Amino acid sequence: RQGMFFTMKRIAVVLAVLVAAMTPAQADFAAGFAAYSRGDYQAAVSEWRTLAEQGDIKSQVGLGFMHEKGLGVPQDFTKAVRWYRQAADQGDGIAQYNLGVMYGNGTGVLQDYVEAHKLFSVAATGGNEDAKNSLGYIEKLMTSSQLAQSKRNSLELAAKPAAGTQDIAAKPITRSEERRVGKECRSRWSPEH
């Protein structure tokens, strides 16, 4: 069950987006990514930890991933959830998706389809294709009351202003936009998830 939403593509997407979103002020993140790329996971964690504690979104996502997979640190799903949550709360679509996966699988948290759906919905609105694909799958696992609750929660979360300058930050949406995106996401769902 743990691999219900997991694909190898997820690893590549996380790392590619983290590098693509770098700014000159984040040289330490780049040093961490270089360490990760050469397999020196402990050095990557060391580079990212200070940045993550200072609120750097990419470093928070990177640390969440390292804790989730046990790379450079002992595998610790609770810490992975904590780091993903911090980045997700700042509007990061990758963190929202990864956290949704953890809620959908019950990894590091109690399994909660409503929370997973809410996170996928907001990430999908921000353009995360994996989140769009996961919406259709998780909706099949939910009751109608769970789905209604998740949609209300998604609208509340999407309406929060994103803290950070990420291009993939959640944007406020109207109910009609939410219905349109939900319909579009369901039409794109593929059984590989």
C-alpha atoms as a PDB file:
ATOM      1  CA  ARG A   1       0.000   0.000   0.000  1.00  0.00           C
ATOM      2  CA  GLN A   2       2.857   2.390   0.665  1.00  0.00           C
ATOM      3  CA  GLY A   3       3.617   2.621  -3.046  1.00  0.00           C
ATOM      4  CA  MET A   4       0.002   3.374  -3.962  1.00  0.00           C
ATOM      5  CA  PHE A   5       0.843   6.813  -5.327  1.00  0.00           C
ATOM      6  CA  PHE A   6       4.623   6.515  -5.674  1.00  0.00           C
ATOM      7  CA  THR A   7       6.393   6.486  -9.016  1.00  0.00           C
ATOM      8  CA  MET A   8      10.049   6.864  -9.921  1.00  0.00           C
ATOM      9  CA  LYS A   9       9.012   9.902 -11.937  1.00  0.00           C
ATOM     10  CA  ARG A  10       8.201  11.566  -8.632  1.00  0.00           C
ATOM     11  CA  ILE A  11      11.866  11.473  -7.593  1.00  0.00           C
ATOM     12  CA  ALA A  12      13.039  13.019 -10.843  1.00  0.00           C
ATOM     13  CA  VAL A  13      10.348  15.697 -10.805  1.00  0.00           C
ATOM     14  CA  VAL A  14      11.097  16.696  -7.208  1.00  0.00           C
ATOM     15  CA  LEU A  15      14.788  17.081  -7.875  1.00  0.00           C
ATOM     16  CA  ALA A  16      14.434  18.771 -11.262  1.00  0.00           C
ATOM     17  CA  VAL A  17      11.998  21.389  -9.981  1.00  0.00           C
ATOM     18  CA  LEU A  18      14.106  22.045  -6.911  1.00  0.00           C
ATOM     19  CA  VAL A  19      17.143  22.825  -9.073  1.00  0.00           C
ATOM     20  CA  ALA A  20      15.193  24.789 -11.691  1.00  0.00           C
ATOM     21  CA  ALA A  21      13.712  27.094  -9.070  1.00  0.00           C
ATOM     22  CA  MET A  22      17.077  28.179  -7.601  1.00  0.00           C
ATOM     23  CA  THR A  23      18.036  31.801  -7.130  1.00  0.00           C
ATOM     24  CA  PRO A  24      21.565  33.194  -6.648  1.00  0.00           C
ATOM     25  CA  ALA A  25      20.889  33.656  -2.919  1.00  0.00           C
ATOM     26  CA  GLN A  26      20.532  29.912  -2.579  1.00  0.00           C
ATOM     27  CA  ALA A  27      24.063  28.788  -3.334  1.00  0.00           C
ATOM     28  CA  ASP A  28      23.940  26.524  -0.287  1.00  0.00           C
ATOM     29  CA  PHE A  29      20.953  24.752  -1.801  1.00  0.00           C
ATOM     30  CA  ALA A  30      22.978  24.245  -4.975  1.00  0.00           C
ATOM     31  CA  ALA A  31      25.860  22.869  -2.912  1.00  0.00           C
ATOM     32  CA  GLY A  32      23.409  20.473  -1.269  1.00  0.00           C
ATOM     33  CA  PHE A  33      22.050  19.414  -4.630  1.00  0.00           C
ATOM     34  CA  ALA A  34      25.581  18.828  -5.938  1.00  0.00           C
ATOM     35  CA  ALA A  35      26.255  16.656  -2.890  1.00  0.00           C
ATOM     36  CA  TYR A  36      23.003  14.769  -3.497  1.00  0.00           C
ATOM     37  CA  SER A  37      23.918  14.260  -7.158  1.00  0.00           C
ATOM     38  CA  ARG A  38      27.238  12.662  -6.278  1.00  0.00           C
ATOM     39  CA  GLY A  39      25.602  10.419  -3.667  1.00  0.00           C
ATOM     40  CA  ASP A  40      26.886  12.295  -0.602  1.00  0.00           C
ATOM     41  CA  TYR A  41      23.498  12.384   1.066  1.00  0.00           C
ATOM     42  CA  GLN A  42      24.763  13.401   4.509  1.00  0.00           C
ATOM     43  CA  ALA A  43      26.407  16.500   3.032  1.00  0.00           C
ATOM     44  CA  ALA A  44      23.186  17.348   1.165  1.00  0.00           C
ATOM     45  CA  VAL A  45      21.196  17.096   4.392  1.00  0.00           C
ATOM     46  CA  SER A  46      23.762  19.245   6.176  1.00  0.00           C
ATOM     47  CA  GLU A  47      23.592  21.955   3.496  1.00  0.00           C
ATOM     48  CA  TRP A  48      19.793  21.982   3.412  1.00  0.00           C
ATOM     49  CA  ARG A  49      19.022  21.770   7.147  1.00  0.00           C
ATOM     50  CA  THR A  50      20.001  25.349   8.040  1.00  0.00           C
ATOM     51  CA  LEU A  51      18.225  26.761   5.001  1.00  0.00           C
ATOM     52  CA  ALA A  52      15.108  24.715   5.752  1.00  0.00           C
ATOM     53  CA  GLU A  53      15.050  25.916   9.350  1.00  0.00           C
ATOM     54  CA  GLN A  54      15.191  29.486   7.995  1.00  0.00           C
ATOM     55  CA  GLY A  55      12.109  28.799   5.864  1.00  0.00           C
ATOM     56  CA  ASP A  56      13.675  27.974   2.478  1.00  0.00           C
ATOM     57  CA  ILE A  57      10.976  26.054   0.637  1.00  0.00           C
ATOM     58  CA  LYS A  58      13.232  24.022  -1.686  1.00  0.00           C
ATOM     59  CA  SER A  59      15.393  22.924   1.234  1.00  0.00           C
ATOM     60  CA  GLN A  60      12.299  21.929   3.212  1.00  0.00           C
ATOM     61  CA  VAL A  61      11.092  19.789   0.311  1.00  0.00           C
ATOM     62  CA  GLY A  62      14.593  18.319  -0.088  1.00  0.00           C
ATOM     63  CA  LEU A  63      14.797  17.414   3.603  1.00  0.00           C
ATOM     64  CA  GLY A  64      11.312  15.946   3.504  1.00  0.00           C
ATOM     65  CA  PHE A  65      12.369  13.753   0.610  1.00  0.00           C
ATOM     66  CA  MET A  66      15.631  12.714   2.324  1.00  0.00           C
ATOM     67  CA  HIS A  67      13.761  11.733   5.507  1.00  0.00           C
ATOM     68  CA  GLU A  68      11.044   9.948   3.531  1.00  0.00           C
ATOM     69  CA  LYS A  69      13.574   7.832   1.646  1.00  0.00           C
ATOM     70  CA  GLY A  70      16.195   7.519   4.403  1.00  0.00           C
ATOM     71  CA  LEU A  71      18.952   9.184   2.383  1.00  0.00           C
ATOM     72  CA  GLY A  72      21.720  10.665   4.573  1.00  0.00           C
ATOM     73  CA  VAL A  73      19.483  10.347   7.617  1.00  0.00           C
ATOM     74  CA  PRO A  74      17.583   7.473   9.196  1.00  0.00           C
ATOM     75  CA  GLN A  75      14.243   7.028   7.443  1.00  0.00           C
ATOM     76  CA  ASP A  76      11.721   9.000   9.484  1.00  0.00           C
ATOM     77  CA  PHE A  77       8.283   9.526   8.004  1.00  0.00           C
ATOM     78  CA  THR A  78       7.230  11.864  10.814  1.00  0.00           C
ATOM     79  CA  LYS A  79      10.099  14.237  10.013  1.00  0.00           C
ATOM     80  CA  ALA A  80       9.336  13.931   6.303  1.00  0.00           C
ATOM     81  CA  VAL A  81       5.750  14.989   6.995  1.00  0.00           C
ATOM     82  CA  ARG A  82       6.962  17.919   9.125  1.00  0.00           C
ATOM     83  CA  TRP A  83       9.249  19.265   6.375  1.00  0.00           C
ATOM     84  CA  TYR A  84       6.717  18.714   3.604  1.00  0.00           C
ATOM     85  CA  ARG A  85       4.050  20.429   5.723  1.00  0.00           C
ATOM     86  CA  GLN A  86       6.223  23.517   6.218  1.00  0.00           C
ATOM     87  CA  ALA A  87       6.817  23.856   2.476  1.00  0.00           C
ATOM     88  CA  ALA A  88       3.205  22.978   1.607  1.00  0.00           C
ATOM     89  CA  ASP A  89       1.947  25.681   3.957  1.00  0.00           C
ATOM     90  CA  GLN A  90       4.069  28.158   1.995  1.00  0.00           C
ATOM     91  CA  GLY A  91       2.294  27.144  -1.222  1.00  0.00           C
ATOM     92  CA  ASP A  92       4.765  24.672  -2.724  1.00  0.00           C
ATOM     93  CA  GLY A  93       2.973  22.290  -5.118  1.00  0.00           C
ATOM     94  CA  ILE A  94       5.567  19.521  -4.877  1.00  0.00           C
ATOM     95  CA  ALA A  95       5.352  19.518  -1.097  1.00  0.00           C
ATOM     96  CA  GLN A  96       1.547  19.565  -1.294  1.00  0.00           C
ATOM     97  CA  TYR A  97       1.609  16.567  -3.619  1.00  0.00           C
ATOM     98  CA  ASN A  98       4.181  14.626  -1.572  1.00  0.00           C
ATOM     99  CA  LEU A  99       2.273  15.313   1.632  1.00  0.00           C
ATOM    100  CA  GLY A 100      -0.924  14.209  -0.100  1.00  0.00           C
ATOM    101  CA  VAL A 101       0.793  10.944  -1.024  1.00  0.00           C
ATOM    102  CA  MET A 102       1.781  10.401   2.586  1.00  0.00           C
ATOM    103  CA  TYR A 103      -1.787  11.025   3.776  1.00  0.00           C
ATOM    104  CA  GLY A 104      -3.195   8.804   1.033  1.00  0.00           C
ATOM    105  CA  ASN A 105      -0.874   5.978   2.018  1.00  0.00           C
ATOM    106  CA  GLY A 106      -0.983   6.574   5.764  1.00  0.00           C
ATOM    107  CA  THR A 107       2.792   6.973   5.835  1.00  0.00           C
ATOM    108  CA  GLY A 108       3.997   8.954   8.856  1.00  0.00           C
ATOM    109  CA  VAL A 109       0.420  10.083   9.530  1.00  0.00           C
ATOM    110  CA  LEU A 110      -2.938   8.435   9.976  1.00  0.00           C
ATOM    111  CA  GLN A 111      -4.375   7.623   6.573  1.00  0.00           C
ATOM    112  CA  ASP A 112      -6.716  10.467   5.647  1.00  0.00           C
ATOM    113  CA  TYR A 113      -8.217  10.573   2.174  1.00  0.00           C
ATOM    114  CA  VAL A 114      -9.870  13.939   2.857  1.00  0.00           C
ATOM    115  CA  GLU A 115      -6.527  15.572   3.662  1.00  0.00           C
ATOM    116  CA  ALA A 116      -4.831  13.818   0.722  1.00  0.00           C
ATOM    117  CA  HIS A 117      -7.543  14.992  -1.673  1.00  0.00           C
ATOM    118  CA  LYS A 118      -7.361  18.558  -0.343  1.00  0.00           C
ATOM    119  CA  LEU A 119      -3.587  18.655  -0.868  1.00  0.00           C
ATOM    120  CA  PHE A 120      -3.821  17.094  -4.343  1.00  0.00           C
ATOM    121  CA  SER A 121      -6.537  19.606  -5.303  1.00  0.00           C
ATOM    122  CA  VAL A 122      -4.472  22.614  -4.314  1.00  0.00           C
ATOM    123  CA  ALA A 123      -1.306  21.219  -5.916  1.00  0.00           C
ATOM    124  CA  ALA A 124      -3.242  20.414  -9.103  1.00  0.00           C
ATOM    125  CA  THR A 125      -4.613  23.954  -9.230  1.00  0.00           C
ATOM    126  CA  GLY A 126      -0.994  25.135  -9.120  1.00  0.00           C
ATOM    127  CA  GLY A 127      -0.150  22.925 -12.114  1.00  0.00           C
ATOM    128  CA  ASN A 128       1.226  19.753 -10.513  1.00  0.00           C
ATOM    129  CA  GLU A 129       0.439  17.010 -13.052  1.00  0.00           C
ATOM    130  CA  ASP A 130       0.988  14.123 -10.615  1.00  0.00           C
ATOM    131  CA  ALA A 131      -1.532  15.705  -8.258  1.00  0.00           C
ATOM    132  CA  LYS A 132      -4.012  16.083 -11.126  1.00  0.00           C
ATOM    133  CA  ASN A 133      -3.624  12.403 -11.943  1.00  0.00           C
ATOM    134  CA  SER A 134      -3.969  11.339  -8.297  1.00  0.00           C
ATOM    135  CA  LEU A 135      -7.249  13.179  -7.784  1.00  0.00           C
ATOM    136  CA  GLY A 136      -9.262  10.745  -9.883  1.00  0.00           C
ATOM    137  CA  TYR A 137      -7.767   7.758  -8.123  1.00  0.00           C
ATOM    138  CA  ILE A 138      -8.323   8.992  -4.594  1.00  0.00           C
ATOM    139  CA  GLU A 139     -11.855  10.154  -5.364  1.00  0.00           C
ATOM    140  CA  LYS A 140     -12.732   6.524  -6.082  1.00  0.00           C
ATOM    141  CA  LEU A 141     -11.677   5.661  -2.514  1.00  0.00           C
ATOM    142  CA  MET A 142     -13.717   8.413  -0.842  1.00  0.00           C
ATOM    143  CA  THR A 143     -17.315   8.621   0.318  1.00  0.00           C
ATOM    144  CA  SER A 144     -19.457  11.497  -0.977  1.00  0.00           C
ATOM    145  CA  SER A 145     -19.315  13.242   2.416  1.00  0.00           C
ATOM    146  CA  GLN A 146     -15.504  12.923   2.501  1.00  0.00           C
ATOM    147  CA  LEU A 147     -15.306  14.405  -0.994  1.00  0.00           C
ATOM    148  CA  ALA A 148     -17.544  17.335  -0.055  1.00  0.00           C
ATOM    149  CA  GLN A 149     -15.467  18.038   3.064  1.00  0.00           C
ATOM    150  CA  SER A 150     -12.251  17.906   1.057  1.00  0.00           C
ATOM    151  CA  LYS A 151     -13.560  20.343  -1.532  1.00  0.00           C
ATOM    152  CA  ARG A 152     -14.506  22.814   1.222  1.00  0.00           C
ATOM    153  CA  ASN A 153     -11.042  22.409   2.776  1.00  0.00           C
ATOM    154  CA  SER A 154      -9.344  22.818  -0.619  1.00  0.00           C
ATOM    155  CA  LEU A 155     -11.080  26.120  -1.238  1.00  0.00           C
ATOM    156  CA  GLU A 156     -10.022  27.384   2.193  1.00  0.00           C
ATOM    157  CA  LEU A 157      -6.405  26.322   1.651  1.00  0.00           C
ATOM    158  CA  ALA A 158      -6.253  27.711  -1.876  1.00  0.00           C
ATOM    159  CA  ALA A 159      -7.598  31.047  -0.636  1.00  0.00           C
ATOM    160  CA  LYS A 160      -4.657  31.469   1.774  1.00  0.00           C
ATOM    161  CA  PRO A 161      -1.983  33.730   0.325  1.00  0.00           C
ATOM    162  CA  ALA A 162       1.173  31.816  -0.499  1.00  0.00           C
ATOM    163  CA  ALA A 163       4.195  32.951   1.478  1.00  0.00           C
ATOM    164  CA  GLY A 164       7.109  32.807  -0.924  1.00  0.00           C
ATOM    165  CA  THR A 165       7.686  33.550  -4.519  1.00  0.00           C
ATOM    166  CA  GLN A 166       7.294  30.089  -6.001  1.00  0.00           C
ATOM    167  CA  ASP A 167       5.770  29.985  -9.476  1.00  0.00           C
ATOM    168  CA  ILE A 168       3.919  26.861  -8.382  1.00  0.00           C
ATOM    169  CA  ALA A 169       2.328  28.493  -5.344  1.00  0.00           C
ATOM    170  CA  ALA A 170      -1.358  27.887  -4.702  1.00  0.00           C
ATOM    171  CA  LYS A 171      -3.614  30.604  -6.072  1.00  0.00           C
ATOM    172  CA  PRO A 172      -7.072  31.558  -4.819  1.00  0.00           C
ATOM    173  CA  ILE A 173      -9.822  29.986  -6.914  1.00  0.00           C
ATOM    174  CA  THR A 174     -13.563  30.383  -7.196  1.00  0.00           C
ATOM    175  CA  ARG A 175     -16.002  27.518  -6.764  1.00  0.00           C
ATOM    176  CA  SER A 176     -16.632  27.423 -10.522  1.00  0.00           C
ATOM    177  CA  GLU A 177     -12.879  27.287 -11.229  1.00  0.00           C
ATOM    178  CA  GLU A 178     -12.538  24.504  -8.641  1.00  0.00           C
ATOM    179  CA  ARG A 179     -15.302  22.484 -10.348  1.00  0.00           C
ATOM    180  CA  ARG A 180     -13.694  23.054 -13.769  1.00  0.00           C
ATOM    181  CA  VAL A 181     -10.252  21.979 -12.523  1.00  0.00           C
ATOM    182  CA  GLY A 182     -11.734  18.960 -10.751  1.00  0.00           C
ATOM    183  CA  LYS A 183     -13.538  17.881 -13.931  1.00  0.00           C
ATOM    184  CA  GLU A 184     -10.368  18.403 -15.990  1.00  0.00           C
ATOM    185  CA  CYS A 185      -8.266  16.437 -13.494  1.00  0.00           C
ATOM    186  CA  ARG A 186     -10.711  13.530 -13.436  1.00  0.00           C
ATOM    187  CA  SER A 187     -10.692  13.406 -17.247  1.00  0.00           C
ATOM    188  CA  ARG A 188      -6.886  13.144 -17.232  1.00  0.00           C
ATOM    189  CA  TRP A 189      -6.627  10.433 -14.583  1.00  0.00           C
ATOM    190  CA  SER A 190      -4.762   7.359 -15.708  1.00  0.00           C
ATOM    191  CA  PRO A 191      -4.815   3.927 -14.052  1.00  0.00           C
ATOM    192  CA  GLU A 192      -1.044   3.929 -13.471  1.00  0.00           C
ATOM    193  CA  HIS A 193      -1.627   5.603 -10.099  1.00  0.00           C
END
